[in-house]
């Protein structure tokens, strides 16, 4: 089930920032291992990558279980006036990966656990208060918590989740003429 969740999020789309790095590397005929390493490094950022996923895990870990404590926690979160990690997706509208993730859980016969229920509780409250949607990183974090992952295990498991997308974009560029990927973005020297 976790492998299916992992694979369902690895888009082979060259417009995605980390895949774009893999595309540049493939176009330049860089070794696939180095290409994946460069794309992986691009994912280690605070806004959209692994650090954001780790922050979402930390947030999901601290949502209180009781209703009164949860309401007080939410008020403090809203007073911070910052969209919490795992919410406020940069793309408008719902995250299509969540529907796929819920289907994967259903197909495996897995019901929502307490952490996933709290994640959707928070989604409902944030949508009301801030007009923001849940992002897949909140979903993954909650599912991992429901399965007993700790922060270290979560980070280790999620580290390579986008690599199928890197590999696909890198391979696609190998099938095209060298240095043809985003040609207007590359510096060329005259021979």
Protein backbone atom coordinates (compact mmCIF):
# COMPACT_ATOMS: atom_id res chain seq x y z
CA UNK A 1 0.00 0.00 0.00
CA UNK A 2 2.80 2.45 0.86
CA UNK A 3 4.58 1.61 -2.39
CA UNK A 4 1.41 2.41 -4.32
CA UNK A 5 1.10 5.74 -2.50
CA UNK A 6 4.75 6.39 -3.32
CA UNK A 7 4.43 5.60 -7.02
CA UNK A 8 1.12 7.45 -7.45
CA UNK A 9 2.91 10.73 -6.70
CA UNK A 10 5.88 10.40 -9.05
CA UNK A 11 4.77 12.44 -12.04
CA UNK A 12 6.78 12.10 -15.23
CA UNK A 13 6.19 15.77 -16.01
CA UNK A 14 9.17 17.87 -17.06
CA UNK A 15 7.48 21.05 -15.80
CA UNK A 16 7.92 19.98 -12.16
CA UNK A 17 10.98 21.65 -10.65
CA UNK A 18 12.92 18.52 -9.67
CA UNK A 19 12.04 16.72 -12.91
CA UNK A 20 13.19 19.78 -14.82
CA UNK A 21 16.63 19.30 -13.26
CA UNK A 22 16.59 15.65 -14.39
CA UNK A 23 15.54 16.82 -17.85
CA UNK A 24 18.47 19.23 -18.09
CA UNK A 25 20.80 16.45 -16.98
CA UNK A 26 19.41 13.99 -19.54
CA UNK A 27 19.61 16.58 -22.28
CA UNK A 28 23.25 17.21 -21.36
CA UNK A 29 23.88 13.44 -21.34
CA UNK A 30 24.78 13.35 -17.66
CA UNK A 31 24.93 9.93 -16.00
CA UNK A 32 21.50 8.80 -14.66
CA UNK A 33 22.83 8.47 -11.11
CA UNK A 34 24.13 12.02 -11.10
CA UNK A 35 20.92 13.23 -12.72
CA UNK A 36 18.83 11.60 -9.98
CA UNK A 37 21.16 13.04 -7.34
CA UNK A 38 20.77 16.56 -8.74
CA UNK A 39 16.97 16.20 -8.92
CA UNK A 40 16.94 14.82 -5.38
CA UNK A 41 18.98 17.81 -4.20
CA UNK A 42 16.45 20.13 -5.84
CA UNK A 43 13.73 18.47 -3.75
CA UNK A 44 15.51 19.23 -0.51
CA UNK A 45 13.96 22.64 -0.12
CA UNK A 46 11.64 24.20 2.38
CA UNK A 47 8.84 25.30 0.10
CA UNK A 48 7.84 22.25 -1.95
CA UNK A 49 10.21 19.46 -1.10
CA UNK A 50 11.36 17.15 1.62
CA UNK A 51 11.70 19.78 4.31
CA UNK A 52 8.10 20.80 3.67
CA UNK A 53 7.10 17.14 3.98
CA UNK A 54 9.03 16.84 7.26
CA UNK A 55 7.35 19.99 8.55
CA UNK A 56 3.94 18.56 7.58
CA UNK A 57 4.80 15.40 9.53
CA UNK A 58 5.73 17.50 12.57
CA UNK A 59 2.46 19.44 12.29
CA UNK A 60 0.34 16.30 11.97
CA UNK A 61 2.18 14.82 14.96
CA UNK A 62 1.12 17.66 17.24
CA UNK A 63 -2.59 17.97 16.41
CA UNK A 64 -4.32 17.19 19.73
CA UNK A 65 -6.81 14.35 19.98
CA UNK A 66 -9.47 15.97 22.19
CA UNK A 67 -11.94 18.45 20.73
CA UNK A 68 -11.33 21.25 23.27
CA UNK A 69 -7.55 20.94 23.06
CA UNK A 70 -7.77 20.78 19.27
CA UNK A 71 -9.86 23.97 19.10
CA UNK A 72 -7.37 25.84 21.31
CA UNK A 73 -4.49 24.49 19.19
CA UNK A 74 -6.25 25.66 16.02
CA UNK A 75 -6.77 29.18 17.43
CA UNK A 76 -3.04 29.43 18.14
CA UNK A 77 -2.26 28.13 14.65
CA UNK A 78 -4.56 30.68 13.03
CA UNK A 79 -3.12 33.47 15.18
CA UNK A 80 0.28 32.70 13.66
CA UNK A 81 -1.19 33.95 10.33
CA UNK A 82 0.93 31.52 8.32
CA UNK A 83 -0.50 28.67 6.26
CA UNK A 84 0.66 25.49 7.97
CA UNK A 85 2.82 22.94 6.17
CA UNK A 86 0.75 20.40 4.30
CA UNK A 87 -1.95 22.94 3.51
CA UNK A 88 -2.24 25.92 1.18
CA UNK A 89 -1.24 24.12 -1.96
CA UNK A 90 0.40 26.46 -4.47
CA UNK A 91 -1.87 25.13 -7.22
CA UNK A 92 -5.52 26.21 -6.98
CA UNK A 93 -8.08 23.59 -6.10
CA UNK A 94 -7.85 20.21 -4.44
CA UNK A 95 -4.77 18.01 -4.69
CA UNK A 96 -5.71 15.20 -7.09
CA UNK A 97 -3.23 12.86 -5.41
CA UNK A 98 -5.38 12.70 -2.29
CA UNK A 99 -8.29 11.05 -4.12
CA UNK A 100 -5.82 8.51 -5.53
CA UNK A 101 -4.38 7.97 -2.04
CA UNK A 102 -7.82 7.44 -0.51
CA UNK A 103 -8.60 4.91 -3.24
CA UNK A 104 -5.34 3.06 -2.53
CA UNK A 105 -6.27 2.88 1.17
CA UNK A 106 -9.78 1.67 0.33
CA UNK A 107 -8.47 -0.98 -2.09
CA UNK A 108 -6.16 -2.23 0.68
CA UNK A 109 -9.08 -2.34 3.12
CA UNK A 110 -7.49 0.31 5.33
CA UNK A 111 -9.82 2.68 7.16
CA UNK A 112 -8.80 6.19 8.13
CA UNK A 113 -6.93 6.26 11.41
CA UNK A 114 -6.99 8.98 14.04
CA UNK A 115 -4.20 11.03 12.45
CA UNK A 116 -5.85 11.01 9.02
CA UNK A 117 -9.17 12.02 10.56
CA UNK A 118 -7.42 14.93 12.32
CA UNK A 119 -5.72 15.92 9.04
CA UNK A 120 -9.11 16.23 7.35
CA UNK A 121 -10.55 18.00 10.40
CA UNK A 122 -7.78 20.56 9.99
CA UNK A 123 -8.46 20.76 6.25
CA UNK A 124 -12.09 21.63 6.93
CA UNK A 125 -11.19 24.31 9.48
CA UNK A 126 -8.46 25.87 7.32
CA UNK A 127 -10.69 25.87 4.27
CA UNK A 128 -13.28 27.78 6.29
CA UNK A 129 -10.82 30.20 7.90
CA UNK A 130 -8.23 30.72 5.16
CA UNK A 131 -9.73 29.22 2.01
CA UNK A 132 -6.83 26.76 1.65
CA UNK A 133 -6.79 23.10 0.68
CA UNK A 134 -4.97 20.12 2.08
CA UNK A 135 -1.79 19.12 0.25
CA UNK A 136 -0.61 15.55 -0.27
CA UNK A 137 2.19 15.98 2.28
CA UNK A 138 -0.38 16.32 5.09
CA UNK A 139 -2.12 13.18 3.83
CA UNK A 140 1.12 11.17 3.64
CA UNK A 141 2.22 12.35 7.06
CA UNK A 142 -1.11 11.40 8.66
CA UNK A 143 -1.14 7.94 7.05
CA UNK A 144 2.44 7.35 8.17
CA UNK A 145 1.53 8.39 11.72
CA UNK A 146 -1.43 6.03 11.68
CA UNK A 147 0.97 3.23 10.77
CA UNK A 148 3.36 4.15 13.59
CA UNK A 149 6.16 5.79 11.60
CA UNK A 150 8.41 8.13 13.53
CA UNK A 151 9.93 11.24 11.92
CA UNK A 152 13.18 9.47 10.96
CA UNK A 153 11.36 6.53 9.36
CA UNK A 154 9.04 8.89 7.51
CA UNK A 155 11.90 10.97 6.13
CA UNK A 156 13.80 7.85 5.04
CA UNK A 157 10.78 6.33 3.32
CA UNK A 158 9.78 9.52 1.52
CA UNK A 159 13.28 10.48 0.37
CA UNK A 160 13.16 8.66 -2.97
CA UNK A 161 9.46 8.94 -3.72
CA UNK A 162 9.85 11.25 -6.72
CA UNK A 163 12.63 9.25 -8.39
CA UNK A 164 10.33 7.46 -10.87
CA UNK A 165 9.47 10.90 -12.27
CA UNK A 166 13.15 11.87 -12.46
CA UNK A 167 14.02 8.67 -14.29
CA UNK A 168 11.19 9.05 -16.80
CA UNK A 169 12.06 12.66 -17.69
CA UNK A 170 15.80 11.87 -17.85
CA UNK A 171 15.12 8.89 -20.14
CA UNK A 172 12.81 10.94 -22.34
CA UNK A 173 15.55 13.52 -22.86
CA UNK A 174 18.07 10.83 -23.77
CA UNK A 175 15.79 9.93 -26.68
CA UNK A 176 15.88 13.53 -27.95
CA UNK A 177 18.76 15.51 -29.46
CA UNK A 178 21.42 16.56 -26.98
CA UNK A 179 20.89 19.96 -25.34
CA UNK A 180 17.39 20.27 -26.78
CA UNK A 181 15.61 20.53 -23.41
CA UNK A 182 14.41 24.11 -22.84
CA UNK A 183 16.79 25.45 -25.46
CA UNK A 184 16.08 29.09 -24.64
CA UNK A 185 17.35 28.47 -21.11
CA UNK A 186 20.76 27.12 -22.07
CA UNK A 187 23.91 29.10 -22.70
CA UNK A 188 25.55 28.19 -25.97
CA UNK A 189 28.97 29.03 -27.26
CA UNK A 190 29.79 29.49 -30.90
CA UNK A 191 32.33 27.04 -32.30
